[in-house]
Amino acid sequence: MGRKPTRHRRLVAATSVALVAWLSAPSSLMAQSFTPIRVNTGGNAYTDGASNVWSADTGFNTGSTASTGAAIAGTTDDTLYQTNRWDAAGGSELDYTFTVPNGWYEVKLLFAETCSCAFSVGARRFDVQLEGTVALSNVDVYAEVGAKTALSKSAVTGVTDGALNIRFIHGVENPFVSAIEVTAT
């Protein structure tokens, strides 16, 4: 015997149809055909071992660059971790801004602590905001992996204004980043 649909079942069915319609929406609503953004912050263009092309440093508002020739543990792509952009205290926070279609993105930040000034736990800590919300809190690269070792941290964010904003907030010592990768989710 068939049951008459209850209000709850009709609502679930309508929600399912709306979700399917949204998931199949044009790319103006979702970043389906998005080409990943890869930036070797503080460095030159680079092609990694997986044939991904990383652009030279771009999209930043302030900061200085640093580099090392030291080997970086935990990676076969030392080049991505041997340079960085860092932000001294006293001015604007370091921001990276990328023009992207509205949608959802995974932001992967690469780090390697190469400054001997921060070769101890707690010597350098900072936050990272994505789209104005803290996505990574109290980042302490040395505490997580030690010196001259690759660290990758990721977070997902939504973009509704056509610009992906990544901000590095001062804590203890100066915030930095070695490379940035943005992919659509």
N, C-alpha and C. Protein backbone atom coordinates (compact mmCIF):
# COMPACT_ATOMS: atom_id res chain seq x y z
N MET A 1 0.83 -1.18 0.00
CA MET A 1 0.00 0.00 0.00
C MET A 1 0.87 1.24 0.00
N GLY A 2 0.50 2.19 -0.83
CA GLY A 2 1.25 3.43 -0.91
C GLY A 2 0.90 4.37 0.22
N ARG A 3 1.90 5.05 0.68
CA ARG A 3 1.69 6.05 1.73
C ARG A 3 1.61 7.43 1.12
N LYS A 4 0.75 8.24 1.69
CA LYS A 4 0.67 9.62 1.26
C LYS A 4 1.91 10.34 1.78
N PRO A 5 2.64 11.08 0.91
CA PRO A 5 3.85 11.77 1.37
C PRO A 5 3.54 12.74 2.50
N THR A 6 4.31 12.66 3.53
CA THR A 6 4.16 13.61 4.64
C THR A 6 4.85 14.91 4.26
N ARG A 7 4.58 15.92 5.03
CA ARG A 7 5.23 17.22 4.79
C ARG A 7 6.75 17.07 4.87
N HIS A 8 7.22 16.26 5.81
CA HIS A 8 8.66 16.04 5.98
C HIS A 8 9.25 15.39 4.72
N ARG A 9 8.60 14.36 4.20
CA ARG A 9 9.11 13.68 3.00
C ARG A 9 9.12 14.62 1.79
N ARG A 10 8.08 15.47 1.67
CA ARG A 10 8.05 16.43 0.56
C ARG A 10 9.19 17.43 0.69
N LEU A 11 9.48 17.87 1.91
CA LEU A 11 10.55 18.82 2.15
C LEU A 11 11.91 18.18 1.81
N VAL A 12 12.12 16.94 2.22
CA VAL A 12 13.36 16.24 1.91
C VAL A 12 13.52 16.09 0.41
N ALA A 13 12.46 15.71 -0.28
CA ALA A 13 12.52 15.54 -1.74
C ALA A 13 12.81 16.87 -2.42
N ALA A 14 12.16 17.94 -1.99
CA ALA A 14 12.39 19.26 -2.58
C ALA A 14 13.83 19.72 -2.32
N THR A 15 14.33 19.47 -1.12
CA THR A 15 15.70 19.84 -0.80
C THR A 15 16.68 19.06 -1.65
N SER A 16 16.41 17.79 -1.87
CA SER A 16 17.29 16.96 -2.70
C SER A 16 17.33 17.48 -4.13
N VAL A 17 16.18 17.86 -4.67
CA VAL A 17 16.13 18.40 -6.03
C VAL A 17 16.90 19.71 -6.10
N ALA A 18 16.75 20.57 -5.09
CA ALA A 18 17.46 21.84 -5.08
C ALA A 18 18.97 21.62 -4.99
N LEU A 19 19.40 20.65 -4.19
CA LEU A 19 20.82 20.36 -4.06
C LEU A 19 21.39 19.86 -5.37
N VAL A 20 20.69 18.98 -6.04
CA VAL A 20 21.14 18.47 -7.34
C VAL A 20 21.23 19.62 -8.34
N ALA A 21 20.25 20.51 -8.34
CA ALA A 21 20.27 21.66 -9.26
C ALA A 21 21.46 22.56 -8.95
N TRP A 22 21.75 22.81 -7.68
CA TRP A 22 22.88 23.66 -7.32
C TRP A 22 24.20 23.01 -7.71
N LEU A 23 24.33 21.69 -7.49
CA LEU A 23 25.57 21.01 -7.82
C LEU A 23 25.82 20.98 -9.33
N SER A 24 24.77 21.08 -10.13
CA SER A 24 24.94 21.09 -11.57
C SER A 24 24.85 22.50 -12.15
N ALA A 25 24.95 23.49 -11.28
CA ALA A 25 24.86 24.90 -11.68
C ALA A 25 26.05 25.29 -12.55
N PRO A 26 25.92 26.37 -13.33
CA PRO A 26 27.02 26.84 -14.16
C PRO A 26 28.21 27.28 -13.32
N SER A 27 29.37 27.39 -13.96
CA SER A 27 30.61 27.73 -13.24
C SER A 27 30.55 29.11 -12.60
N SER A 28 29.57 29.95 -12.97
CA SER A 28 29.46 31.24 -12.30
C SER A 28 29.11 31.04 -10.82
N LEU A 29 28.52 29.90 -10.48
CA LEU A 29 28.22 29.60 -9.09
C LEU A 29 29.27 28.70 -8.45
N MET A 30 29.98 27.96 -9.27
CA MET A 30 30.98 27.03 -8.74
C MET A 30 32.25 27.15 -9.57
N ALA A 31 33.36 26.86 -8.95
CA ALA A 31 34.65 26.97 -9.62
C ALA A 31 35.04 25.65 -10.28
N GLN A 32 34.16 25.14 -11.17
CA GLN A 32 34.37 23.82 -11.76
C GLN A 32 35.53 23.78 -12.75
N SER A 33 35.71 24.79 -13.56
CA SER A 33 36.74 24.77 -14.59
C SER A 33 37.95 25.63 -14.18
N PHE A 34 38.17 25.74 -12.93
CA PHE A 34 39.21 26.59 -12.38
C PHE A 34 40.59 25.96 -12.59
N THR A 35 41.54 26.77 -13.07
CA THR A 35 42.93 26.33 -13.19
C THR A 35 43.62 26.64 -11.87
N PRO A 36 44.23 25.64 -11.23
CA PRO A 36 44.87 25.88 -9.93
C PRO A 36 45.88 27.03 -9.99
N ILE A 37 45.97 27.73 -8.87
CA ILE A 37 46.95 28.79 -8.70
C ILE A 37 48.07 28.22 -7.84
N ARG A 38 49.28 28.35 -8.33
CA ARG A 38 50.45 27.89 -7.57
C ARG A 38 51.49 29.01 -7.61
N VAL A 39 51.91 29.47 -6.42
CA VAL A 39 52.85 30.58 -6.32
C VAL A 39 54.03 30.18 -5.45
N ASN A 40 55.22 30.33 -5.99
CA ASN A 40 56.46 30.11 -5.24
C ASN A 40 56.79 31.44 -4.55
N THR A 41 56.25 31.65 -3.35
CA THR A 41 56.37 32.94 -2.69
C THR A 41 57.83 33.26 -2.37
N GLY A 42 58.22 34.46 -2.70
CA GLY A 42 59.59 34.90 -2.50
C GLY A 42 60.57 34.37 -3.53
N GLY A 43 60.07 33.59 -4.49
CA GLY A 43 60.97 32.96 -5.45
C GLY A 43 60.55 33.11 -6.89
N ASN A 44 61.29 32.43 -7.74
CA ASN A 44 61.06 32.45 -9.19
C ASN A 44 60.09 31.35 -9.60
N ALA A 45 59.68 31.38 -10.87
CA ALA A 45 58.84 30.32 -11.41
C ALA A 45 59.57 28.99 -11.28
N TYR A 46 58.80 27.91 -11.09
CA TYR A 46 59.39 26.60 -10.84
C TYR A 46 58.42 25.52 -11.29
N THR A 47 58.95 24.46 -11.88
CA THR A 47 58.13 23.29 -12.22
C THR A 47 58.53 22.17 -11.27
N ASP A 48 57.55 21.66 -10.51
CA ASP A 48 57.86 20.66 -9.49
C ASP A 48 57.98 19.26 -10.08
N GLY A 49 58.28 18.30 -9.25
CA GLY A 49 58.49 16.92 -9.67
C GLY A 49 57.27 16.26 -10.27
N ALA A 50 56.07 16.81 -10.02
CA ALA A 50 54.83 16.29 -10.60
C ALA A 50 54.42 17.07 -11.85
N SER A 51 55.33 17.90 -12.36
CA SER A 51 55.12 18.74 -13.55
C SER A 51 54.13 19.88 -13.33
N ASN A 52 53.85 20.24 -12.08
CA ASN A 52 53.02 21.41 -11.80
C ASN A 52 53.89 22.65 -11.93
N VAL A 53 53.34 23.67 -12.58
CA VAL A 53 54.07 24.92 -12.77
C VAL A 53 53.66 25.90 -11.67
N TRP A 54 54.66 26.40 -10.97
CA TRP A 54 54.48 27.39 -9.91
C TRP A 54 54.97 28.73 -10.44
N SER A 55 54.15 29.77 -10.33
CA SER A 55 54.55 31.08 -10.83
C SER A 55 55.53 31.73 -9.85
N ALA A 56 56.26 32.72 -10.36
CA ALA A 56 57.08 33.56 -9.49
C ALA A 56 56.14 34.30 -8.54
N ASP A 57 56.67 34.81 -7.46
CA ASP A 57 55.89 35.48 -6.42
C ASP A 57 55.00 36.57 -7.01
N THR A 58 53.71 36.49 -6.71
CA THR A 58 52.73 37.44 -7.21
C THR A 58 51.53 37.47 -6.27
N GLY A 59 50.77 38.57 -6.32
CA GLY A 59 49.53 38.67 -5.57
C GLY A 59 49.68 39.23 -4.16
N PHE A 60 50.86 39.66 -3.76
CA PHE A 60 51.11 40.14 -2.39
C PHE A 60 51.01 41.65 -2.33
N ASN A 61 50.83 42.15 -1.10
CA ASN A 61 50.73 43.59 -0.89
C ASN A 61 51.95 44.19 -0.21
N THR A 62 52.74 43.39 0.50
CA THR A 62 53.87 43.92 1.26
C THR A 62 54.81 42.78 1.60
N GLY A 63 55.83 43.08 2.37
CA GLY A 63 56.72 42.04 2.86
C GLY A 63 58.08 42.04 2.18
N SER A 64 58.94 41.20 2.70
CA SER A 64 60.29 41.02 2.18
C SER A 64 60.48 39.56 1.84
N THR A 65 61.55 39.27 1.11
CA THR A 65 61.82 37.88 0.74
C THR A 65 63.10 37.40 1.42
N ALA A 66 63.16 36.08 1.58
CA ALA A 66 64.35 35.45 2.14
C ALA A 66 64.56 34.14 1.40
N SER A 67 65.80 33.68 1.38
CA SER A 67 66.09 32.40 0.71
C SER A 67 67.26 31.71 1.40
N THR A 68 67.36 30.43 1.15
CA THR A 68 68.44 29.61 1.68
C THR A 68 68.84 28.59 0.63
N GLY A 69 70.05 28.11 0.70
CA GLY A 69 70.49 27.03 -0.17
C GLY A 69 70.46 25.70 0.56
N ALA A 70 70.00 25.70 1.81
CA ALA A 70 69.99 24.50 2.64
C ALA A 70 69.01 23.46 2.09
N ALA A 71 69.36 22.19 2.26
CA ALA A 71 68.45 21.10 1.90
C ALA A 71 67.24 21.15 2.83
N ILE A 72 66.08 20.81 2.29
CA ILE A 72 64.84 20.80 3.07
C ILE A 72 64.38 19.36 3.21
N ALA A 73 64.25 18.89 4.43
CA ALA A 73 63.79 17.53 4.69
C ALA A 73 62.30 17.40 4.39
N GLY A 74 61.87 16.20 4.04
CA GLY A 74 60.44 15.93 3.88
C GLY A 74 59.87 16.30 2.53
N THR A 75 60.71 16.59 1.55
CA THR A 75 60.23 16.95 0.21
C THR A 75 61.30 16.62 -0.82
N THR A 76 60.86 16.43 -2.04
CA THR A 76 61.80 16.32 -3.16
C THR A 76 61.81 17.61 -3.96
N ASP A 77 60.96 18.57 -3.56
CA ASP A 77 60.88 19.87 -4.21
C ASP A 77 61.42 20.96 -3.29
N ASP A 78 62.69 20.85 -2.94
CA ASP A 78 63.33 21.81 -2.03
C ASP A 78 63.10 23.25 -2.44
N THR A 79 63.13 23.52 -3.75
CA THR A 79 63.01 24.89 -4.27
C THR A 79 61.79 25.61 -3.71
N LEU A 80 60.66 24.92 -3.56
CA LEU A 80 59.44 25.56 -3.07
C LEU A 80 59.57 26.00 -1.61
N TYR A 81 60.45 25.39 -0.88
CA TYR A 81 60.59 25.67 0.55
C TYR A 81 61.83 26.50 0.87
N GLN A 82 62.68 26.73 -0.11
CA GLN A 82 63.93 27.47 0.14
C GLN A 82 63.77 28.98 0.03
N THR A 83 62.62 29.45 -0.43
CA THR A 83 62.34 30.88 -0.46
C THR A 83 61.06 31.13 0.31
N ASN A 84 60.88 32.36 0.75
CA ASN A 84 59.63 32.73 1.40
C ASN A 84 59.44 34.23 1.34
N ARG A 85 58.21 34.63 1.59
CA ARG A 85 57.88 36.05 1.79
C ARG A 85 57.48 36.17 3.25
N TRP A 86 58.08 37.13 3.94
CA TRP A 86 57.79 37.35 5.34
C TRP A 86 57.42 38.81 5.55
N ASP A 87 56.79 39.08 6.69
CA ASP A 87 56.24 40.41 6.94
C ASP A 87 56.74 40.94 8.27
N ALA A 88 57.51 42.02 8.23
CA ALA A 88 58.01 42.66 9.45
C ALA A 88 56.86 43.36 10.18
N ALA A 89 57.01 43.46 11.48
CA ALA A 89 56.00 44.13 12.31
C ALA A 89 55.97 45.62 12.00
N GLY A 90 54.84 46.24 12.28
CA GLY A 90 54.75 47.69 12.19
C GLY A 90 53.98 48.23 11.01
N GLY A 91 53.83 47.46 9.95
CA GLY A 91 53.10 47.94 8.79
C GLY A 91 51.82 47.14 8.59
N SER A 92 51.38 47.11 7.37
CA SER A 92 50.21 46.31 7.02
C SER A 92 50.51 44.83 7.19
N GLU A 93 49.48 44.04 7.47
CA GLU A 93 49.64 42.59 7.50
C GLU A 93 49.89 42.12 6.07
N LEU A 94 50.63 41.03 5.93
CA LEU A 94 50.91 40.44 4.62
C LEU A 94 49.63 39.81 4.08
N ASP A 95 49.21 40.26 2.91
CA ASP A 95 48.03 39.72 2.23
C ASP A 95 48.42 39.21 0.87
N TYR A 96 47.82 38.09 0.47
CA TYR A 96 47.85 37.63 -0.91
C TYR A 96 46.42 37.65 -1.40
N THR A 97 46.19 38.19 -2.59
CA THR A 97 44.85 38.26 -3.17
C THR A 97 44.91 37.71 -4.59
N PHE A 98 43.98 36.80 -4.89
CA PHE A 98 43.90 36.18 -6.21
C PHE A 98 42.48 36.30 -6.75
N THR A 99 42.36 36.70 -8.01
CA THR A 99 41.06 36.76 -8.66
C THR A 99 40.64 35.34 -9.02
N VAL A 100 39.46 34.95 -8.53
CA VAL A 100 38.93 33.61 -8.76
C VAL A 100 37.42 33.68 -8.98
N PRO A 101 36.85 32.70 -9.68
CA PRO A 101 35.39 32.65 -9.76
C PRO A 101 34.82 32.34 -8.37
N ASN A 102 33.63 32.80 -8.11
CA ASN A 102 32.99 32.47 -6.83
C ASN A 102 32.87 30.95 -6.73
N GLY A 103 33.12 30.43 -5.54
CA GLY A 103 33.04 28.99 -5.32
C GLY A 103 33.84 28.60 -4.10
N TRP A 104 34.11 27.32 -3.97
CA TRP A 104 34.83 26.77 -2.83
C TRP A 104 36.24 26.37 -3.24
N TYR A 105 37.20 26.68 -2.38
CA TYR A 105 38.61 26.44 -2.69
C TYR A 105 39.34 25.81 -1.51
N GLU A 106 40.29 24.94 -1.85
CA GLU A 106 41.24 24.47 -0.86
C GLU A 106 42.50 25.30 -1.03
N VAL A 107 42.95 25.89 0.07
CA VAL A 107 44.16 26.69 0.08
C VAL A 107 45.22 25.89 0.84
N LYS A 108 46.30 25.54 0.12
CA LYS A 108 47.40 24.80 0.74
C LYS A 108 48.57 25.75 0.87
N LEU A 109 49.07 25.88 2.08
CA LEU A 109 50.21 26.75 2.36
C LEU A 109 51.41 25.88 2.71
N LEU A 110 52.54 26.17 2.08
CA LEU A 110 53.77 25.42 2.32
C LEU A 110 54.70 26.28 3.15
N PHE A 111 55.36 25.64 4.12
CA PHE A 111 56.28 26.33 5.03
C PHE A 111 57.53 25.48 5.25
N ALA A 112 58.63 26.13 5.52
CA ALA A 112 59.83 25.50 6.08
C ALA A 112 60.53 26.58 6.90
N GLU A 113 60.75 26.30 8.16
CA GLU A 113 61.42 27.28 9.03
C GLU A 113 62.91 27.25 8.72
N THR A 114 63.40 28.29 8.06
CA THR A 114 64.80 28.35 7.65
C THR A 114 65.57 29.48 8.35
N CYS A 115 64.89 30.25 9.19
CA CYS A 115 65.54 31.35 9.91
C CYS A 115 65.98 30.86 11.29
N SER A 116 67.28 30.91 11.55
CA SER A 116 67.79 30.44 12.85
C SER A 116 67.20 31.24 14.01
N CYS A 117 66.67 32.43 13.71
CA CYS A 117 66.02 33.25 14.74
C CYS A 117 64.77 32.59 15.30
N ALA A 118 64.26 31.56 14.63
CA ALA A 118 63.02 30.89 15.05
C ALA A 118 63.22 29.39 15.22
N PHE A 119 64.44 28.98 15.51
CA PHE A 119 64.73 27.56 15.70
C PHE A 119 64.47 27.12 17.14
N SER A 120 63.30 27.43 17.67
CA SER A 120 62.86 26.91 18.96
C SER A 120 61.34 27.01 19.01
N VAL A 121 60.75 26.14 19.80
CA VAL A 121 59.29 26.11 19.93
C VAL A 121 58.80 27.45 20.48
N GLY A 122 57.82 28.03 19.82
CA GLY A 122 57.23 29.29 20.26
C GLY A 122 57.96 30.53 19.78
N ALA A 123 59.09 30.38 19.10
CA ALA A 123 59.86 31.55 18.65
C ALA A 123 59.15 32.30 17.53
N ARG A 124 58.33 31.59 16.74
CA ARG A 124 57.56 32.24 15.68
C ARG A 124 56.17 31.58 15.68
N ARG A 125 55.15 32.41 15.90
CA ARG A 125 53.77 31.93 15.83
C ARG A 125 52.93 33.01 15.16
N PHE A 126 52.01 32.58 14.32
CA PHE A 126 51.14 33.53 13.63
C PHE A 126 49.86 32.83 13.21
N ASP A 127 48.86 33.63 12.86
CA ASP A 127 47.58 33.11 12.37
C ASP A 127 47.48 33.37 10.87
N VAL A 128 46.61 32.60 10.22
CA VAL A 128 46.31 32.81 8.81
C VAL A 128 44.81 32.93 8.66
N GLN A 129 44.38 34.00 8.02
CA GLN A 129 42.96 34.20 7.72
C GLN A 129 42.71 33.90 6.25
N LEU A 130 41.59 33.25 5.99
CA LEU A 130 41.08 33.07 4.63
C LEU A 130 39.73 33.77 4.58
N GLU A 131 39.58 34.69 3.67
CA GLU A 131 38.33 35.43 3.52
C GLU A 131 37.88 36.06 4.85
N GLY A 132 38.84 36.58 5.61
CA GLY A 132 38.52 37.31 6.83
C GLY A 132 38.27 36.46 8.07
N THR A 133 38.38 35.15 7.95
CA THR A 133 38.16 34.25 9.08
C THR A 133 39.44 33.47 9.37
N VAL A 134 39.81 33.38 10.64
CA VAL A 134 41.02 32.63 11.00
C VAL A 134 40.82 31.16 10.62
N ALA A 135 41.69 30.68 9.73
CA ALA A 135 41.64 29.30 9.26
C ALA A 135 42.73 28.46 9.91
N LEU A 136 43.86 29.09 10.21
CA LEU A 136 44.98 28.42 10.88
C LEU A 136 45.40 29.30 12.05
N SER A 137 45.39 28.74 13.23
CA SER A 137 45.67 29.52 14.43
C SER A 137 47.00 29.08 15.05
N ASN A 138 47.78 30.07 15.48
CA ASN A 138 49.05 29.81 16.15
C ASN A 138 49.95 28.86 15.38
N VAL A 139 50.15 29.13 14.11
CA VAL A 139 51.05 28.32 13.29
C VAL A 139 52.46 28.46 13.87
N ASP A 140 53.06 27.34 14.22
CA ASP A 140 54.43 27.30 14.74
C ASP A 140 55.14 26.18 13.99
N VAL A 141 55.75 26.52 12.87
CA VAL A 141 56.35 25.53 11.98
C VAL A 141 57.40 24.71 12.72
N TYR A 142 58.26 25.38 13.46
CA TYR A 142 59.31 24.67 14.18
C TYR A 142 58.73 23.66 15.17
N ALA A 143 57.68 24.03 15.88
CA ALA A 143 57.06 23.12 16.86
C ALA A 143 56.49 21.87 16.17
N GLU A 144 56.02 22.03 14.95
CA GLU A 144 55.40 20.90 14.25
C GLU A 144 56.41 19.98 13.56
N VAL A 145 57.46 20.56 12.93
CA VAL A 145 58.37 19.71 12.14
C VAL A 145 59.85 20.00 12.37
N GLY A 146 60.18 21.04 13.12
CA GLY A 146 61.59 21.38 13.31
C GLY A 146 62.10 22.31 12.23
N ALA A 147 63.42 22.47 12.20
CA ALA A 147 64.06 23.39 11.26
C ALA A 147 64.28 22.73 9.90
N LYS A 148 64.22 23.54 8.86
CA LYS A 148 64.56 23.12 7.50
C LYS A 148 63.84 21.84 7.09
N THR A 149 62.54 21.77 7.42
CA THR A 149 61.70 20.62 7.11
C THR A 149 60.38 21.11 6.53
N ALA A 150 59.91 20.47 5.48
CA ALA A 150 58.69 20.86 4.78
C ALA A 150 57.45 20.62 5.65
N LEU A 151 56.55 21.60 5.62
CA LEU A 151 55.26 21.49 6.29
C LEU A 151 54.20 22.04 5.34
N SER A 152 53.11 21.30 5.19
CA SER A 152 51.98 21.72 4.37
C SER A 152 50.75 21.80 5.26
N LYS A 153 50.02 22.91 5.19
CA LYS A 153 48.78 23.08 5.95
C LYS A 153 47.70 23.55 4.98
N SER A 154 46.50 22.97 5.13
CA SER A 154 45.40 23.28 4.21
C SER A 154 44.15 23.69 4.95
N ALA A 155 43.33 24.47 4.28
CA ALA A 155 42.01 24.84 4.77
C ALA A 155 41.13 25.12 3.56
N VAL A 156 39.83 24.99 3.75
CA VAL A 156 38.85 25.23 2.68
C VAL A 156 38.09 26.51 3.00
N THR A 157 37.83 27.30 1.96
CA THR A 157 37.09 28.54 2.15
C THR A 157 36.19 28.79 0.94
N GLY A 158 35.15 29.56 1.15
CA GLY A 158 34.26 29.96 0.07
C GLY A 158 34.53 31.40 -0.33
N VAL A 159 34.41 31.67 -1.63
CA VAL A 159 34.60 33.01 -2.17
C VAL A 159 33.30 33.46 -2.82
N THR A 160 32.84 34.65 -2.44
CA THR A 160 31.59 35.18 -3.00
C THR A 160 31.76 36.51 -3.71
N ASP A 161 32.99 37.08 -3.67
CA ASP A 161 33.21 38.41 -4.26
C ASP A 161 34.23 38.41 -5.40
N GLY A 162 34.62 37.21 -5.88
CA GLY A 162 35.56 37.13 -6.99
C GLY A 162 37.01 37.31 -6.62
N ALA A 163 37.32 37.41 -5.31
CA ALA A 163 38.70 37.57 -4.87
C ALA A 163 38.96 36.70 -3.65
N LEU A 164 39.97 35.85 -3.75
CA LEU A 164 40.40 35.03 -2.62
C LEU A 164 41.44 35.82 -1.83
N ASN A 165 41.16 36.05 -0.55
CA ASN A 165 42.04 36.83 0.31
C ASN A 165 42.68 35.95 1.38
N ILE A 166 44.01 35.98 1.42
CA ILE A 166 44.78 35.23 2.41
C ILE A 166 45.60 36.24 3.20
N ARG A 167 45.44 36.25 4.51
CA ARG A 167 46.14 37.23 5.36
C ARG A 167 46.95 36.49 6.42
N PHE A 168 48.19 36.95 6.62
CA PHE A 168 49.10 36.39 7.61
C PHE A 168 49.19 37.39 8.76
N ILE A 169 48.71 36.99 9.94
CA ILE A 169 48.56 37.89 11.09
C ILE A 169 49.73 37.72 12.07
N HIS A 170 50.36 38.83 12.42
CA HIS A 170 51.47 38.79 13.38
C HIS A 170 51.06 38.19 14.71
N GLY A 171 51.93 37.39 15.24
CA GLY A 171 51.82 36.85 16.59
C GLY A 171 53.17 37.12 17.25
N VAL A 172 53.95 36.04 17.38
CA VAL A 172 55.33 36.15 17.87
C VAL A 172 56.24 36.06 16.66
N GLU A 173 57.14 37.02 16.50
CA GLU A 173 58.05 37.09 15.34
C GLU A 173 57.23 37.38 14.09
N ASN A 174 57.81 37.29 12.92
CA ASN A 174 57.15 37.71 11.67
C ASN A 174 56.55 36.53 10.93
N PRO A 175 55.29 36.65 10.47
CA PRO A 175 54.69 35.56 9.70
C PRO A 175 55.38 35.41 8.34
N PHE A 176 55.31 34.20 7.79
CA PHE A 176 55.92 33.94 6.48
C PHE A 176 55.17 32.81 5.79
N VAL A 177 55.44 32.66 4.51
CA VAL A 177 54.91 31.54 3.74
C VAL A 177 55.91 31.22 2.63
N SER A 178 56.09 29.94 2.35
CA SER A 178 57.05 29.50 1.34
C SER A 178 56.42 29.29 -0.03
N ALA A 179 55.17 28.85 -0.07
CA ALA A 179 54.45 28.67 -1.34
C ALA A 179 52.97 28.57 -1.05
N ILE A 180 52.16 28.88 -2.06
CA ILE A 180 50.70 28.85 -1.94
C ILE A 180 50.14 28.07 -3.12
N GLU A 181 49.21 27.16 -2.83
CA GLU A 181 48.50 26.43 -3.88
C GLU A 181 47.00 26.56 -3.62
N VAL A 182 46.24 26.95 -4.63
CA VAL A 182 44.80 27.11 -4.54
C VAL A 182 44.16 26.20 -5.58
N THR A 183 43.29 25.30 -5.13
CA THR A 183 42.56 24.41 -6.03
C THR A 183 41.07 24.49 -5.72
N ALA A 184 40.25 24.26 -6.72
CA ALA A 184 38.80 24.25 -6.53
C ALA A 184 38.39 22.95 -5.85
N THR A 185 37.38 23.03 -4.98
CA THR A 185 36.87 21.83 -4.33
C THR A 185 35.51 21.48 -4.89
